[in-house]
């Protein structure tokens, strides 16, 4: 991580650890409040984002049939500047 994206490596590690620790997507904001986890809309509807820098976000997609807040499995989609 440090070689390719040293500017966000520490925060990326924190976001990934939060994903490992959380039991549901809804737990992310409690476990990792500095990640500013939030649900996305429009072009990224159905996805969630965790803050890595002023512009970059870790994008995840909750999996399963339940509502995304209660999802227990996620797919990491990308690191993106969608602003």
C-alpha atoms as a PDB file:
ATOM      1  CA  UNK A   1       0.000   0.000   0.000  1.00  0.00           C
ATOM      2  CA  UNK A   2       2.717   2.435   0.926  1.00  0.00           C
ATOM      3  CA  UNK A   3       4.492   2.099  -2.435  1.00  0.00           C
ATOM      4  CA  UNK A   4       1.402   2.693  -4.536  1.00  0.00           C
ATOM      5  CA  UNK A   5      -0.687   4.965  -2.291  1.00  0.00           C
ATOM      6  CA  UNK A   6       1.431   6.147   0.619  1.00  0.00           C
ATOM      7  CA  UNK A   7      -0.808   9.199   0.983  1.00  0.00           C
ATOM      8  CA  UNK A   8      -3.787   7.069   2.064  1.00  0.00           C
ATOM      9  CA  UNK A   9      -2.162   3.839   3.317  1.00  0.00           C
ATOM     10  CA  UNK A  10      -2.808   4.409   7.044  1.00  0.00           C
ATOM     11  CA  UNK A  11      -6.449   5.361   6.571  1.00  0.00           C
ATOM     12  CA  UNK A  12      -7.004   2.501   4.141  1.00  0.00           C
ATOM     13  CA  UNK A  13      -5.670   0.088   6.765  1.00  0.00           C
ATOM     14  CA  UNK A  14      -8.095   1.570   9.333  1.00  0.00           C
ATOM     15  CA  UNK A  15     -11.078   1.263   6.975  1.00  0.00           C
ATOM     16  CA  UNK A  16     -10.221  -2.363   6.135  1.00  0.00           C
ATOM     17  CA  UNK A  17      -9.835  -3.193   9.838  1.00  0.00           C
ATOM     18  CA  UNK A  18     -13.255  -1.639  10.477  1.00  0.00           C
ATOM     19  CA  UNK A  19     -14.723  -3.865   7.765  1.00  0.00           C
ATOM     20  CA  UNK A  20     -13.194  -6.907   9.444  1.00  0.00           C
ATOM     21  CA  UNK A  21     -14.462  -5.898  12.896  1.00  0.00           C
ATOM     22  CA  UNK A  22     -18.012  -4.800  12.041  1.00  0.00           C
ATOM     23  CA  UNK A  23     -20.793  -7.359  12.256  1.00  0.00           C
ATOM     24  CA  UNK A  24     -23.020  -5.338   9.892  1.00  0.00           C
ATOM     25  CA  UNK A  25     -22.586  -2.370   7.566  1.00  0.00           C
ATOM     26  CA  UNK A  26     -24.582  -0.302  10.053  1.00  0.00           C
ATOM     27  CA  UNK A  27     -21.872  -0.898  12.677  1.00  0.00           C
ATOM     28  CA  UNK A  28     -19.200   0.826  10.582  1.00  0.00           C
ATOM     29  CA  UNK A  29     -20.083   4.364  11.681  1.00  0.00           C
ATOM     30  CA  UNK A  30     -19.817   3.321  15.363  1.00  0.00           C
ATOM     31  CA  UNK A  31     -16.649   1.235  15.016  1.00  0.00           C
ATOM     32  CA  UNK A  32     -14.898   3.711  12.702  1.00  0.00           C
ATOM     33  CA  UNK A  33     -16.450   7.178  13.172  1.00  0.00           C
ATOM     34  CA  UNK A  34     -13.538   8.942  11.459  1.00  0.00           C
ATOM     35  CA  UNK A  35     -14.283   6.917   8.321  1.00  0.00           C
ATOM     36  CA  UNK A  36     -17.494   8.941   7.860  1.00  0.00           C
ATOM     37  CA  UNK A  37     -19.174   5.845   6.396  1.00  0.00           C
ATOM     38  CA  UNK A  38     -22.230   6.772   4.366  1.00  0.00           C
ATOM     39  CA  UNK A  39     -24.606   5.340   1.805  1.00  0.00           C
ATOM     40  CA  UNK A  40     -24.274   6.677  -1.736  1.00  0.00           C
ATOM     41  CA  UNK A  41     -26.964   7.631  -4.249  1.00  0.00           C
ATOM     42  CA  UNK A  42     -27.409   8.337  -7.974  1.00  0.00           C
ATOM     43  CA  UNK A  43     -24.472   6.912  -9.989  1.00  0.00           C
ATOM     44  CA  UNK A  44     -23.321   4.870  -6.979  1.00  0.00           C
ATOM     45  CA  UNK A  45     -26.728   3.807  -5.649  1.00  0.00           C
ATOM     46  CA  UNK A  46     -26.459   0.708  -3.472  1.00  0.00           C
ATOM     47  CA  UNK A  47     -22.860   1.418  -2.509  1.00  0.00           C
ATOM     48  CA  UNK A  48     -21.320   2.797   0.673  1.00  0.00           C
ATOM     49  CA  UNK A  49     -18.158   4.878   1.083  1.00  0.00           C
ATOM     50  CA  UNK A  50     -15.529   5.356   3.783  1.00  0.00           C
ATOM     51  CA  UNK A  51     -13.298   8.431   3.758  1.00  0.00           C
ATOM     52  CA  UNK A  52      -9.602   7.954   2.917  1.00  0.00           C
ATOM     53  CA  UNK A  53      -8.617  11.573   2.167  1.00  0.00           C
ATOM     54  CA  UNK A  54     -10.297  14.843   1.277  1.00  0.00           C
ATOM     55  CA  UNK A  55     -11.380  13.379  -2.055  1.00  0.00           C
ATOM     56  CA  UNK A  56     -10.723   9.632  -2.084  1.00  0.00           C
ATOM     57  CA  UNK A  57     -13.189   7.074  -0.711  1.00  0.00           C
ATOM     58  CA  UNK A  58     -13.150   3.308  -0.240  1.00  0.00           C
ATOM     59  CA  UNK A  59     -16.255   2.061  -2.053  1.00  0.00           C
ATOM     60  CA  UNK A  60     -18.058  -1.072  -0.866  1.00  0.00           C
ATOM     61  CA  UNK A  61     -21.248  -2.841  -1.930  1.00  0.00           C
ATOM     62  CA  UNK A  62     -23.305  -4.683   0.720  1.00  0.00           C
ATOM     63  CA  UNK A  63     -24.262  -8.198  -0.418  1.00  0.00           C
ATOM     64  CA  UNK A  64     -27.334 -10.261   0.363  1.00  0.00           C
ATOM     65  CA  UNK A  65     -31.091  -9.891   0.334  1.00  0.00           C
ATOM     66  CA  UNK A  66     -31.448  -7.844   3.519  1.00  0.00           C
ATOM     67  CA  UNK A  67     -31.378  -4.061   3.525  1.00  0.00           C
ATOM     68  CA  UNK A  68     -27.848  -2.692   3.182  1.00  0.00           C
ATOM     69  CA  UNK A  69     -27.741  -1.382   6.777  1.00  0.00           C
ATOM     70  CA  UNK A  70     -27.990  -4.960   8.096  1.00  0.00           C
ATOM     71  CA  UNK A  71     -25.759  -6.629   5.500  1.00  0.00           C
ATOM     72  CA  UNK A  72     -23.034  -8.835   6.961  1.00  0.00           C
ATOM     73  CA  UNK A  73     -21.023  -9.335   3.764  1.00  0.00           C
ATOM     74  CA  UNK A  74     -19.582  -6.625   1.519  1.00  0.00           C
ATOM     75  CA  UNK A  75     -17.579  -6.448  -1.678  1.00  0.00           C
ATOM     76  CA  UNK A  76     -14.828  -3.850  -1.903  1.00  0.00           C
ATOM     77  CA  UNK A  77     -15.322  -2.155  -5.246  1.00  0.00           C
ATOM     78  CA  UNK A  78     -12.705   0.549  -5.624  1.00  0.00           C
ATOM     79  CA  UNK A  79     -10.798   3.492  -4.254  1.00  0.00           C
ATOM     80  CA  UNK A  80     -12.273   6.453  -6.094  1.00  0.00           C
ATOM     81  CA  UNK A  81     -12.521  10.228  -6.236  1.00  0.00           C
ATOM     82  CA  UNK A  82     -16.145  10.522  -7.330  1.00  0.00           C
ATOM     83  CA  UNK A  83     -16.541  14.175  -6.359  1.00  0.00           C
END
